[in-house]
Amino acid sequence: MDKPSIPSVNKSSLSFLDNDTFILSKESSYFSKSLFFTLVSEVTILLINYHQRRQKKYQTILESLNKKTGNNSISIANSQPRIIPVSKEILEVVLLKLNAFEQQKGYLSTSINLNSLSKILDTNSSYLSKIINHTKGKTFKNYLNDLRIENALEELKNNPQNKKFTIEAIAFDLGFKSAESFSKKFKSAYGMYPSKFMKNLAA
């Protein structure tokens, strides 16, 4: 008995199959790339929307703070010097050093006071006190507290790591000797306690 013959596959049939396989592979690759780019685009849009919502929340909170303080935000900018019983040369040198003190955030030290800062600036406490009174329009104590409170607002607003720490730890890092002192001064300046301010940012 003759064995059944196996149908032969011609080259054109193989070529056709190879072509179909190539097309399917190409379509699959195109689909994968399209899916990838779609996912990337959606994630990017979500991140942008999240960032915009956070910025809007910050703005809303800050506007609320401004209203509570009558739009009188703390100002520590140098004003034009009035008549001070010190020489012009001494005044200019002390103001330059005082500006460097502010830029370097020397006020974050809990041990800083009028006498210690006078030594750092290489002047005497009487001159320094008068210069701050006349150029800043405030006492040394208020000048120091205002610097700390304004810095505290920026730190709480921009540094999310702070929510991991207690108010006492944050207060010490920001130059205050106690959580109570920090909380009272923050509320006096911005109309709410720092703990509530951080909760509003995290909400």
Protein backbone atom coordinates (compact mmCIF):
# COMPACT_ATOMS: atom_id res chain seq x y z
CA MET A 1 0.00 0.00 0.00
CA ASP A 2 1.24 3.42 -0.91
CA LYS A 3 2.04 5.81 1.97
CA PRO A 4 -0.11 8.93 2.08
CA SER A 5 1.80 11.81 0.64
CA ILE A 6 2.44 14.97 2.71
CA PRO A 7 1.27 18.06 0.92
CA SER A 8 4.19 20.16 -0.09
CA VAL A 9 4.41 23.77 1.06
CA ASN A 10 5.65 26.03 -1.60
CA LYS A 11 7.92 29.03 -0.98
CA SER A 12 5.19 31.52 -1.70
CA SER A 13 3.07 30.09 1.14
CA LEU A 14 5.99 30.34 3.57
CA SER A 15 6.67 33.84 2.46
CA PHE A 16 3.05 34.77 3.06
CA LEU A 17 3.17 33.30 6.58
CA ASP A 18 6.40 35.10 7.37
CA ASN A 19 4.90 38.34 6.16
CA ASP A 20 1.81 37.88 8.35
CA THR A 21 3.99 37.14 11.36
CA PHE A 22 6.05 40.26 10.72
CA ILE A 23 2.92 42.40 10.41
CA LEU A 24 1.48 41.00 13.66
CA SER A 25 4.77 41.57 15.45
CA LYS A 26 4.96 45.13 14.14
CA GLU A 27 1.37 45.85 15.18
CA SER A 28 2.04 44.41 18.64
CA SER A 29 5.12 46.58 19.04
CA TYR A 30 3.22 49.66 17.90
CA PHE A 31 0.41 48.89 20.36
CA SER A 32 2.89 48.47 23.24
CA LYS A 33 4.57 51.78 22.45
CA SER A 34 1.23 53.55 22.16
CA LEU A 35 0.11 52.12 25.50
CA PHE A 36 3.38 53.17 27.14
CA PHE A 37 3.19 56.75 25.88
CA THR A 38 -0.47 56.97 26.87
CA LEU A 39 0.34 55.87 30.42
CA VAL A 40 3.27 58.29 30.66
CA SER A 41 1.07 61.15 29.43
CA GLU A 42 -1.67 60.34 31.95
CA VAL A 43 0.79 60.12 34.85
CA THR A 44 2.37 63.43 33.81
CA ILE A 45 -1.03 65.12 33.67
CA LEU A 46 -1.92 63.74 37.12
CA LEU A 47 1.35 65.03 38.60
CA ILE A 48 0.83 68.48 37.06
CA ASN A 49 -2.73 68.63 38.39
CA TYR A 50 -1.56 67.53 41.85
CA HIS A 51 1.15 70.20 41.90
CA GLN A 52 -1.32 72.88 40.80
CA ARG A 53 -3.78 71.85 43.53
CA ARG A 54 -1.03 72.03 46.17
CA GLN A 55 0.04 75.48 44.97
CA LYS A 56 -3.57 76.67 45.02
CA LYS A 57 -3.98 75.34 48.56
CA TYR A 58 -0.84 77.16 49.70
CA GLN A 59 -2.09 80.38 48.11
CA THR A 60 -5.51 80.04 49.75
CA ILE A 61 -3.96 79.51 53.17
CA LEU A 62 -1.58 82.43 52.77
CA GLU A 63 -4.40 84.71 51.60
CA SER A 64 -6.38 83.65 54.66
CA LEU A 65 -3.41 84.48 56.87
CA ASN A 66 -3.07 87.91 55.27
CA LYS A 67 -6.74 88.68 55.91
CA LYS A 68 -6.45 87.64 59.55
CA THR A 69 -3.46 89.90 60.07
CA GLY A 70 -5.10 92.79 58.21
CA ASN A 71 -2.71 92.38 55.31
CA ASN A 72 0.07 93.65 57.57
CA SER A 73 2.69 90.99 57.03
CA ILE A 74 5.87 91.12 59.07
CA SER A 75 8.46 93.27 57.37
CA ILE A 76 12.15 93.08 58.24
CA ALA A 77 13.46 94.88 55.17
CA ASN A 78 15.99 97.61 55.77
CA SER A 79 14.39 101.04 55.93
CA GLN A 80 16.20 104.28 55.24
CA PRO A 81 18.36 105.17 58.27
CA ARG A 82 17.14 108.12 60.27
CA ILE A 83 19.35 110.31 62.44
CA ILE A 84 21.32 107.97 64.70
CA PRO A 85 23.86 109.07 67.30
CA VAL A 86 26.65 107.04 65.65
CA SER A 87 29.02 107.89 62.83
CA LYS A 88 28.07 107.14 59.24
CA GLU A 89 31.02 104.76 58.91
CA ILE A 90 29.99 102.72 61.94
CA LEU A 91 26.37 102.65 60.77
CA GLU A 92 27.27 101.34 57.30
CA VAL A 93 29.59 98.64 58.67
CA VAL A 94 27.07 97.45 61.26
CA LEU A 95 24.23 97.35 58.71
CA LEU A 96 26.36 95.28 56.33
CA LYS A 97 27.21 92.81 59.09
CA LEU A 98 23.60 92.76 60.26
CA ASN A 99 22.45 91.91 56.75
CA ALA A 100 24.98 89.04 56.62
CA PHE A 101 23.63 87.84 59.98
CA GLU A 102 20.11 87.73 58.52
CA GLN A 103 21.18 86.01 55.29
CA GLN A 104 23.09 83.32 57.20
CA LYS A 105 20.12 82.84 59.57
CA GLY A 106 22.19 83.45 62.67
CA TYR A 107 18.93 84.19 64.47
CA LEU A 108 18.16 80.46 64.58
CA SER A 109 20.54 80.08 67.50
CA THR A 110 18.58 79.97 70.77
CA SER A 111 21.52 81.53 72.61
CA ILE A 112 21.73 84.69 70.49
CA ASN A 113 21.01 87.94 72.32
CA LEU A 114 21.92 91.61 72.09
CA ASN A 115 25.27 91.19 73.84
CA SER A 116 26.37 88.09 71.92
CA LEU A 117 25.35 89.57 68.56
CA SER A 118 27.19 92.80 69.39
CA LYS A 119 30.37 90.78 69.87
CA ILE A 120 29.80 88.90 66.60
CA LEU A 121 29.31 92.17 64.73
CA ASP A 122 32.29 93.73 66.52
CA THR A 123 30.32 96.66 67.94
CA ASN A 124 28.83 97.52 71.31
CA SER A 125 25.33 96.64 72.45
CA SER A 126 24.26 100.28 72.83
CA TYR A 127 25.12 101.12 69.21
CA LEU A 128 23.50 97.93 67.92
CA SER A 129 20.30 98.52 69.87
CA LYS A 130 20.00 102.10 68.59
CA ILE A 131 20.73 101.08 64.99
CA ILE A 132 18.04 98.38 65.07
CA ASN A 133 15.57 100.76 66.74
CA HIS A 134 16.06 103.39 64.05
CA THR A 135 16.52 101.28 60.90
CA LYS A 136 14.07 98.47 61.69
CA GLY A 137 11.60 100.44 63.77
CA LYS A 138 11.52 97.84 66.54
CA THR A 139 13.31 96.63 69.64
CA PHE A 140 16.07 94.05 69.36
CA LYS A 141 13.82 91.40 70.91
CA ASN A 142 11.01 92.04 68.43
CA TYR A 143 13.49 92.20 65.56
CA LEU A 144 14.84 88.77 66.49
CA ASN A 145 11.39 87.23 66.98
CA ASP A 146 10.11 88.65 63.69
CA LEU A 147 13.05 87.11 61.83
CA ARG A 148 12.35 83.74 63.42
CA ILE A 149 8.60 83.84 62.84
CA GLU A 150 8.91 84.83 59.19
CA ASN A 151 11.45 82.05 58.65
CA ALA A 152 9.16 79.62 60.51
CA LEU A 153 6.32 80.32 58.08
CA GLU A 154 8.55 79.55 55.09
CA GLU A 155 9.92 76.39 56.71
CA LEU A 156 6.50 75.00 57.62
CA LYS A 157 5.14 75.84 54.19
CA ASN A 158 8.01 74.47 52.10
CA ASN A 159 9.50 71.63 54.16
CA PRO A 160 7.14 68.62 54.41
CA GLN A 161 9.61 66.84 56.72
CA ASN A 162 8.47 69.10 59.57
CA LYS A 163 5.20 67.20 59.95
CA LYS A 164 7.22 64.24 61.29
CA PHE A 165 8.43 66.26 64.29
CA THR A 166 6.80 67.64 67.40
CA ILE A 167 6.08 71.35 67.75
CA GLU A 168 8.70 71.47 70.50
CA ALA A 169 11.40 70.05 68.19
CA ILE A 170 10.40 72.41 65.38
CA ALA A 171 10.40 75.38 67.76
CA PHE A 172 13.94 74.62 68.93
CA ASP A 173 15.21 74.22 65.36
CA LEU A 174 13.69 77.59 64.48
CA GLY A 175 15.41 79.41 67.34
CA PHE A 176 12.72 79.35 70.03
CA LYS A 177 13.40 78.07 73.54
CA SER A 178 9.96 76.51 74.00
CA ALA A 179 7.00 75.24 72.00
CA GLU A 180 4.71 77.58 73.94
CA SER A 181 6.71 80.67 73.03
CA PHE A 182 6.85 79.63 69.37
CA SER A 183 3.13 78.82 69.17
CA LYS A 184 2.06 82.10 70.79
CA LYS A 185 4.26 84.25 68.57
CA PHE A 186 3.19 82.36 65.44
CA LYS A 187 -0.50 82.79 66.30
CA SER A 188 0.03 86.46 67.10
CA ALA A 189 1.63 87.01 63.69
CA TYR A 190 -0.53 84.79 61.47
CA GLY A 191 -3.80 84.21 63.33
CA MET A 192 -3.42 80.48 63.94
CA TYR A 193 -1.20 78.07 65.83
CA PRO A 194 1.59 76.31 63.87
CA SER A 195 -0.03 72.92 64.51
CA LYS A 196 -3.25 74.05 62.81
CA PHE A 197 -1.28 75.66 59.99
CA MET A 198 0.45 72.34 59.24
CA LYS A 199 -2.85 70.45 59.39
CA ASN A 200 -4.34 72.84 56.85
CA LEU A 201 -1.42 72.24 54.50
CA ALA A 202 -1.71 68.46 54.84
CA ALA A 203 -5.51 68.40 54.35
